[in-house]
Amino acid sequence: MGYGGSRKDAGQAVGQSGDEGIDGIIKEDRLGLDVVYIQAKRWNNTVGRPVVQAFAGSLEGQRARKGVLITTSDFSREARDYVKHIEKKIVLIDGGELAKLMIDSGVGVTEVATYTVKRLDLDYFGDEE
């Protein structure tokens, strides 16, 4: 998506035991002057406000201003309202939006068919008198 230069240098996965709620870090620019922290939830149930609040607390622990919380499911209305009213910039990406981003960026997807749409070339026929 254009962050941090090359795909290799753009970010790193850090999620493990004791990660304090951070699963990844993305460099916002090539120099890494600013970073975006990521948390991912592979859930079937709706992600509620307490999870989003905990992520905001994790960002505070990193002295971070920006984060992205991704889930394969959906976010509750309370969770979406919460991020609108806090100082930190947290973007919520649900399963549907995640699928769109993956397709648009060509990440984790394989092209299986391409369609060509043709139109009539009126210049070919020209004006015969």
N, C-alpha and C. Protein backbone atom coordinates (compact mmCIF):
# COMPACT_ATOMS: atom_id res chain seq x y z
N MET A 1 0.82 -1.20 0.00
CA MET A 1 0.00 0.00 0.00
C MET A 1 0.86 1.26 0.00
N GLY A 2 2.17 1.11 -0.20
CA GLY A 2 3.03 2.26 -0.33
C GLY A 2 3.72 2.70 0.95
N TYR A 3 3.64 1.93 2.00
CA TYR A 3 4.29 2.31 3.24
C TYR A 3 5.74 1.84 3.27
N GLY A 4 6.61 2.63 3.82
CA GLY A 4 7.97 2.24 4.16
C GLY A 4 8.86 1.77 3.04
N GLY A 5 8.57 2.07 1.80
CA GLY A 5 9.43 1.63 0.72
C GLY A 5 9.06 0.25 0.23
N SER A 6 9.99 -0.68 0.27
CA SER A 6 9.74 -2.03 -0.23
C SER A 6 8.86 -2.81 0.74
N ARG A 7 8.26 -3.89 0.24
CA ARG A 7 7.42 -4.72 1.12
C ARG A 7 8.22 -5.28 2.28
N LYS A 8 9.46 -5.63 2.01
CA LYS A 8 10.32 -6.21 3.04
C LYS A 8 10.58 -5.21 4.17
N ASP A 9 10.79 -3.95 3.80
CA ASP A 9 11.14 -2.93 4.78
C ASP A 9 9.93 -2.22 5.38
N ALA A 10 8.76 -2.42 4.84
CA ALA A 10 7.58 -1.65 5.24
C ALA A 10 7.11 -1.96 6.65
N GLY A 11 7.29 -3.18 7.13
CA GLY A 11 6.78 -3.50 8.44
C GLY A 11 7.36 -4.76 9.01
N GLN A 12 6.93 -5.06 10.24
CA GLN A 12 7.41 -6.27 10.89
C GLN A 12 6.33 -6.83 11.79
N ALA A 13 6.26 -8.14 11.86
CA ALA A 13 5.32 -8.81 12.76
C ALA A 13 6.00 -8.94 14.11
N VAL A 14 5.28 -8.59 15.16
CA VAL A 14 5.86 -8.67 16.50
C VAL A 14 4.97 -9.46 17.45
N GLY A 15 3.81 -9.91 16.99
CA GLY A 15 2.86 -10.58 17.87
C GLY A 15 3.41 -11.87 18.45
N GLN A 16 3.44 -11.93 19.77
CA GLN A 16 3.85 -13.12 20.49
C GLN A 16 3.48 -12.92 21.95
N SER A 17 3.77 -13.87 22.77
CA SER A 17 3.47 -13.75 24.18
C SER A 17 4.19 -12.53 24.76
N GLY A 18 3.44 -11.69 25.46
CA GLY A 18 4.02 -10.49 26.05
C GLY A 18 4.17 -9.34 25.08
N ASP A 19 3.45 -9.38 23.96
CA ASP A 19 3.56 -8.30 22.96
C ASP A 19 2.77 -7.06 23.33
N GLU A 20 2.08 -7.12 24.47
CA GLU A 20 1.29 -6.00 24.97
C GLU A 20 0.23 -5.53 23.98
N GLY A 21 -0.36 -6.47 23.22
CA GLY A 21 -1.46 -6.14 22.33
C GLY A 21 -1.06 -5.62 20.97
N ILE A 22 0.21 -5.68 20.62
CA ILE A 22 0.67 -5.21 19.33
C ILE A 22 1.10 -6.42 18.50
N ASP A 23 0.52 -6.57 17.30
CA ASP A 23 0.84 -7.70 16.43
C ASP A 23 1.80 -7.34 15.30
N GLY A 24 1.85 -6.06 14.98
CA GLY A 24 2.73 -5.63 13.89
C GLY A 24 2.99 -4.15 13.93
N ILE A 25 4.06 -3.77 13.23
CA ILE A 25 4.44 -2.36 13.14
C ILE A 25 4.71 -2.05 11.68
N ILE A 26 4.12 -0.96 11.18
CA ILE A 26 4.32 -0.54 9.80
C ILE A 26 5.00 0.82 9.81
N LYS A 27 6.08 0.93 9.03
CA LYS A 27 6.73 2.23 8.86
C LYS A 27 5.88 3.06 7.90
N GLU A 28 5.57 4.28 8.32
CA GLU A 28 4.73 5.12 7.48
C GLU A 28 5.51 5.74 6.32
N ASP A 29 6.81 5.84 6.48
CA ASP A 29 7.66 6.38 5.41
C ASP A 29 8.95 5.56 5.35
N ARG A 30 9.75 5.80 4.34
CA ARG A 30 10.98 5.02 4.14
C ARG A 30 11.96 5.14 5.29
N LEU A 31 11.97 6.28 5.95
CA LEU A 31 12.91 6.50 7.04
C LEU A 31 12.41 5.97 8.38
N GLY A 32 11.14 5.62 8.44
CA GLY A 32 10.58 5.13 9.69
C GLY A 32 10.39 6.23 10.73
N LEU A 33 10.18 7.47 10.26
CA LEU A 33 10.00 8.58 11.18
C LEU A 33 8.70 8.46 11.98
N ASP A 34 7.71 7.83 11.40
CA ASP A 34 6.45 7.60 12.11
C ASP A 34 6.01 6.16 11.83
N VAL A 35 5.38 5.55 12.79
CA VAL A 35 4.95 4.16 12.64
C VAL A 35 3.48 4.03 12.97
N VAL A 36 2.88 2.98 12.43
CA VAL A 36 1.49 2.63 12.72
C VAL A 36 1.52 1.25 13.36
N TYR A 37 0.86 1.11 14.49
CA TYR A 37 0.82 -0.16 15.20
C TYR A 37 -0.44 -0.92 14.79
N ILE A 38 -0.30 -2.23 14.68
CA ILE A 38 -1.37 -3.10 14.19
C ILE A 38 -1.74 -4.13 15.26
N GLN A 39 -3.04 -4.39 15.36
CA GLN A 39 -3.52 -5.54 16.12
C GLN A 39 -4.53 -6.26 15.25
N ALA A 40 -4.42 -7.56 15.18
CA ALA A 40 -5.33 -8.37 14.36
C ALA A 40 -6.09 -9.36 15.23
N LYS A 41 -7.38 -9.50 14.94
CA LYS A 41 -8.25 -10.43 15.66
C LYS A 41 -8.94 -11.34 14.67
N ARG A 42 -8.65 -12.63 14.72
CA ARG A 42 -9.34 -13.60 13.88
C ARG A 42 -10.49 -14.16 14.72
N TRP A 43 -11.62 -13.48 14.64
CA TRP A 43 -12.77 -13.80 15.46
C TRP A 43 -13.98 -14.09 14.60
N ASN A 44 -14.92 -14.84 15.18
CA ASN A 44 -16.23 -15.02 14.55
C ASN A 44 -17.24 -14.07 15.17
N ASN A 45 -17.02 -13.70 16.44
CA ASN A 45 -17.94 -12.81 17.15
C ASN A 45 -17.58 -11.35 16.89
N THR A 46 -18.53 -10.48 17.14
CA THR A 46 -18.33 -9.05 17.00
C THR A 46 -17.29 -8.55 18.00
N VAL A 47 -16.40 -7.69 17.54
CA VAL A 47 -15.39 -7.09 18.41
C VAL A 47 -16.00 -5.86 19.05
N GLY A 48 -16.00 -5.83 20.38
CA GLY A 48 -16.65 -4.75 21.11
C GLY A 48 -15.69 -3.67 21.59
N ARG A 49 -16.27 -2.69 22.24
CA ARG A 49 -15.52 -1.54 22.74
C ARG A 49 -14.38 -1.93 23.69
N PRO A 50 -14.56 -2.89 24.61
CA PRO A 50 -13.46 -3.22 25.52
C PRO A 50 -12.17 -3.64 24.79
N VAL A 51 -12.30 -4.35 23.68
CA VAL A 51 -11.12 -4.76 22.91
C VAL A 51 -10.44 -3.53 22.28
N VAL A 52 -11.26 -2.62 21.76
CA VAL A 52 -10.72 -1.41 21.15
C VAL A 52 -10.08 -0.53 22.22
N GLN A 53 -10.68 -0.43 23.38
CA GLN A 53 -10.10 0.34 24.48
C GLN A 53 -8.77 -0.27 24.92
N ALA A 54 -8.70 -1.57 24.97
CA ALA A 54 -7.44 -2.24 25.35
C ALA A 54 -6.35 -1.94 24.32
N PHE A 55 -6.71 -1.93 23.04
CA PHE A 55 -5.75 -1.60 22.00
C PHE A 55 -5.28 -0.15 22.14
N ALA A 56 -6.20 0.75 22.44
CA ALA A 56 -5.83 2.16 22.68
C ALA A 56 -4.84 2.24 23.84
N GLY A 57 -5.06 1.44 24.86
CA GLY A 57 -4.12 1.39 25.99
C GLY A 57 -2.76 0.84 25.57
N SER A 58 -2.75 -0.14 24.68
CA SER A 58 -1.49 -0.67 24.16
C SER A 58 -0.73 0.40 23.39
N LEU A 59 -1.46 1.20 22.63
CA LEU A 59 -0.83 2.30 21.89
C LEU A 59 -0.21 3.30 22.86
N GLU A 60 -0.93 3.59 23.95
CA GLU A 60 -0.41 4.50 24.96
C GLU A 60 0.89 3.96 25.55
N GLY A 61 0.94 2.65 25.78
CA GLY A 61 2.14 2.02 26.31
C GLY A 61 3.34 2.12 25.37
N GLN A 62 3.07 2.30 24.08
CA GLN A 62 4.14 2.46 23.08
C GLN A 62 4.40 3.94 22.76
N ARG A 63 3.65 4.82 23.42
CA ARG A 63 3.69 6.26 23.12
C ARG A 63 3.36 6.51 21.65
N ALA A 64 2.42 5.73 21.13
CA ALA A 64 2.03 5.79 19.72
C ALA A 64 0.78 6.64 19.56
N ARG A 65 0.67 7.25 18.38
CA ARG A 65 -0.50 8.08 18.09
C ARG A 65 -1.45 7.42 17.11
N LYS A 66 -0.99 6.38 16.39
CA LYS A 66 -1.80 5.78 15.32
C LYS A 66 -1.81 4.26 15.43
N GLY A 67 -2.98 3.71 15.12
CA GLY A 67 -3.08 2.26 15.12
C GLY A 67 -4.19 1.79 14.19
N VAL A 68 -4.07 0.53 13.79
CA VAL A 68 -5.08 -0.12 12.97
C VAL A 68 -5.46 -1.41 13.66
N LEU A 69 -6.75 -1.58 13.89
CA LEU A 69 -7.28 -2.81 14.49
C LEU A 69 -8.06 -3.53 13.41
N ILE A 70 -7.63 -4.73 13.10
CA ILE A 70 -8.21 -5.51 12.01
C ILE A 70 -8.90 -6.74 12.58
N THR A 71 -10.07 -7.05 12.06
CA THR A 71 -10.75 -8.28 12.45
C THR A 71 -11.34 -8.96 11.23
N THR A 72 -11.48 -10.26 11.31
CA THR A 72 -12.14 -11.01 10.25
C THR A 72 -13.66 -10.95 10.42
N SER A 73 -14.12 -10.47 11.56
CA SER A 73 -15.56 -10.37 11.80
C SER A 73 -16.02 -8.92 11.63
N ASP A 74 -16.64 -8.34 12.65
CA ASP A 74 -17.16 -6.98 12.56
C ASP A 74 -16.94 -6.28 13.90
N PHE A 75 -17.15 -4.98 13.92
CA PHE A 75 -17.04 -4.18 15.14
C PHE A 75 -18.42 -3.74 15.58
N SER A 76 -18.61 -3.67 16.89
CA SER A 76 -19.89 -3.19 17.41
C SER A 76 -20.01 -1.69 17.18
N ARG A 77 -21.23 -1.19 17.27
CA ARG A 77 -21.47 0.25 17.14
C ARG A 77 -20.71 1.00 18.23
N GLU A 78 -20.69 0.46 19.44
CA GLU A 78 -19.98 1.11 20.55
C GLU A 78 -18.49 1.22 20.26
N ALA A 79 -17.91 0.19 19.64
CA ALA A 79 -16.49 0.22 19.29
C ALA A 79 -16.22 1.30 18.24
N ARG A 80 -17.08 1.37 17.24
CA ARG A 80 -16.91 2.38 16.18
C ARG A 80 -17.09 3.80 16.74
N ASP A 81 -18.04 3.98 17.64
CA ASP A 81 -18.26 5.29 18.25
C ASP A 81 -17.07 5.68 19.13
N TYR A 82 -16.51 4.73 19.84
CA TYR A 82 -15.40 5.00 20.75
C TYR A 82 -14.21 5.61 20.01
N VAL A 83 -13.84 5.06 18.86
CA VAL A 83 -12.65 5.58 18.15
C VAL A 83 -12.88 6.99 17.60
N LYS A 84 -14.14 7.38 17.45
CA LYS A 84 -14.43 8.74 16.97
C LYS A 84 -14.21 9.79 18.06
N HIS A 85 -14.18 9.36 19.32
CA HIS A 85 -14.14 10.31 20.43
C HIS A 85 -12.84 10.28 21.23
N ILE A 86 -11.82 9.64 20.72
CA ILE A 86 -10.55 9.63 21.44
C ILE A 86 -9.50 10.39 20.66
N GLU A 87 -8.45 10.78 21.36
CA GLU A 87 -7.39 11.56 20.74
C GLU A 87 -6.56 10.74 19.76
N LYS A 88 -6.31 9.49 20.07
CA LYS A 88 -5.52 8.63 19.19
C LYS A 88 -6.30 8.34 17.91
N LYS A 89 -5.56 8.18 16.83
CA LYS A 89 -6.18 7.85 15.55
C LYS A 89 -6.13 6.32 15.40
N ILE A 90 -7.28 5.69 15.54
CA ILE A 90 -7.39 4.24 15.37
C ILE A 90 -8.36 3.97 14.23
N VAL A 91 -7.89 3.23 13.25
CA VAL A 91 -8.72 2.83 12.13
C VAL A 91 -9.18 1.40 12.37
N LEU A 92 -10.47 1.16 12.21
CA LEU A 92 -11.05 -0.18 12.38
C LEU A 92 -11.32 -0.76 11.00
N ILE A 93 -10.77 -1.95 10.75
CA ILE A 93 -10.97 -2.63 9.48
C ILE A 93 -11.66 -3.96 9.76
N ASP A 94 -12.91 -4.09 9.28
CA ASP A 94 -13.65 -5.33 9.50
C ASP A 94 -13.36 -6.31 8.36
N GLY A 95 -13.96 -7.49 8.44
CA GLY A 95 -13.70 -8.55 7.47
C GLY A 95 -13.99 -8.15 6.04
N GLY A 96 -15.08 -7.45 5.80
CA GLY A 96 -15.42 -7.02 4.45
C GLY A 96 -14.41 -6.03 3.89
N GLU A 97 -14.04 -5.05 4.70
CA GLU A 97 -13.05 -4.05 4.27
C GLU A 97 -11.68 -4.71 4.07
N LEU A 98 -11.35 -5.67 4.94
CA LEU A 98 -10.08 -6.39 4.81
C LEU A 98 -10.02 -7.12 3.47
N ALA A 99 -11.11 -7.78 3.10
CA ALA A 99 -11.14 -8.49 1.81
C ALA A 99 -10.95 -7.53 0.65
N LYS A 100 -11.60 -6.36 0.71
CA LYS A 100 -11.44 -5.36 -0.36
C LYS A 100 -10.00 -4.87 -0.45
N LEU A 101 -9.39 -4.59 0.69
CA LEU A 101 -8.00 -4.12 0.69
C LEU A 101 -7.05 -5.18 0.14
N MET A 102 -7.30 -6.45 0.50
CA MET A 102 -6.46 -7.53 -0.01
C MET A 102 -6.56 -7.64 -1.53
N ILE A 103 -7.77 -7.53 -2.05
CA ILE A 103 -7.98 -7.61 -3.50
C ILE A 103 -7.34 -6.42 -4.19
N ASP A 104 -7.59 -5.21 -3.67
CA ASP A 104 -7.03 -4.00 -4.27
C ASP A 104 -5.51 -3.99 -4.26
N SER A 105 -4.90 -4.53 -3.20
CA SER A 105 -3.45 -4.51 -3.07
C SER A 105 -2.78 -5.76 -3.61
N GLY A 106 -3.58 -6.77 -3.98
CA GLY A 106 -3.01 -8.01 -4.50
C GLY A 106 -2.27 -8.81 -3.44
N VAL A 107 -2.72 -8.73 -2.20
CA VAL A 107 -2.07 -9.44 -1.10
C VAL A 107 -2.94 -10.63 -0.69
N GLY A 108 -2.37 -11.81 -0.72
CA GLY A 108 -3.09 -13.01 -0.29
C GLY A 108 -4.17 -13.46 -1.25
N VAL A 109 -4.15 -12.96 -2.47
CA VAL A 109 -5.13 -13.34 -3.48
C VAL A 109 -4.42 -13.73 -4.77
N THR A 110 -5.08 -14.54 -5.58
CA THR A 110 -4.54 -14.97 -6.85
C THR A 110 -5.55 -14.64 -7.94
N GLU A 111 -5.06 -14.04 -9.01
CA GLU A 111 -5.94 -13.73 -10.14
C GLU A 111 -6.24 -15.02 -10.89
N VAL A 112 -7.52 -15.28 -11.12
CA VAL A 112 -7.92 -16.51 -11.81
C VAL A 112 -8.48 -16.25 -13.20
N ALA A 113 -8.93 -15.02 -13.45
CA ALA A 113 -9.48 -14.72 -14.78
C ALA A 113 -9.40 -13.22 -15.03
N THR A 114 -9.20 -12.87 -16.28
CA THR A 114 -9.21 -11.48 -16.70
C THR A 114 -10.16 -11.37 -17.88
N TYR A 115 -10.98 -10.35 -17.86
CA TYR A 115 -11.94 -10.15 -18.93
C TYR A 115 -11.59 -8.89 -19.72
N THR A 116 -11.71 -8.99 -21.03
CA THR A 116 -11.49 -7.84 -21.90
C THR A 116 -12.83 -7.40 -22.44
N VAL A 117 -13.11 -6.13 -22.28
CA VAL A 117 -14.35 -5.56 -22.79
C VAL A 117 -13.98 -4.73 -24.02
N LYS A 118 -14.66 -4.99 -25.14
CA LYS A 118 -14.36 -4.29 -26.38
C LYS A 118 -15.53 -3.41 -26.80
N ARG A 119 -15.20 -2.36 -27.53
CA ARG A 119 -16.23 -1.49 -28.08
C ARG A 119 -15.96 -1.33 -29.57
N LEU A 120 -16.93 -0.92 -30.29
CA LEU A 120 -16.81 -0.72 -31.73
C LEU A 120 -15.91 0.48 -32.01
N ASP A 121 -14.95 0.30 -32.93
CA ASP A 121 -14.03 1.36 -33.32
C ASP A 121 -14.60 2.06 -34.56
N LEU A 122 -15.25 3.18 -34.33
CA LEU A 122 -15.91 3.89 -35.43
C LEU A 122 -14.91 4.44 -36.45
N ASP A 123 -13.69 4.73 -36.05
CA ASP A 123 -12.66 5.22 -36.97
C ASP A 123 -12.30 4.15 -38.02
N TYR A 124 -12.43 2.91 -37.70
CA TYR A 124 -12.11 1.83 -38.61
C TYR A 124 -13.01 1.87 -39.85
N PHE A 125 -14.25 2.18 -39.64
CA PHE A 125 -15.20 2.18 -40.74
C PHE A 125 -15.15 3.49 -41.53
N GLY A 126 -14.74 4.57 -40.90
CA GLY A 126 -14.61 5.86 -41.60
C GLY A 126 -15.89 6.33 -42.23
N ASP A 127 -15.81 7.49 -42.85
CA ASP A 127 -16.96 8.08 -43.56
C ASP A 127 -16.75 7.91 -45.03
N GLU A 128 -17.47 7.00 -45.65
CA GLU A 128 -17.40 6.79 -47.10
C GLU A 128 -18.48 7.61 -47.75
N GLU A 129 -18.13 8.27 -48.86
CA GLU A 129 -19.10 9.12 -49.52
C GLU A 129 -19.64 8.50 -50.76
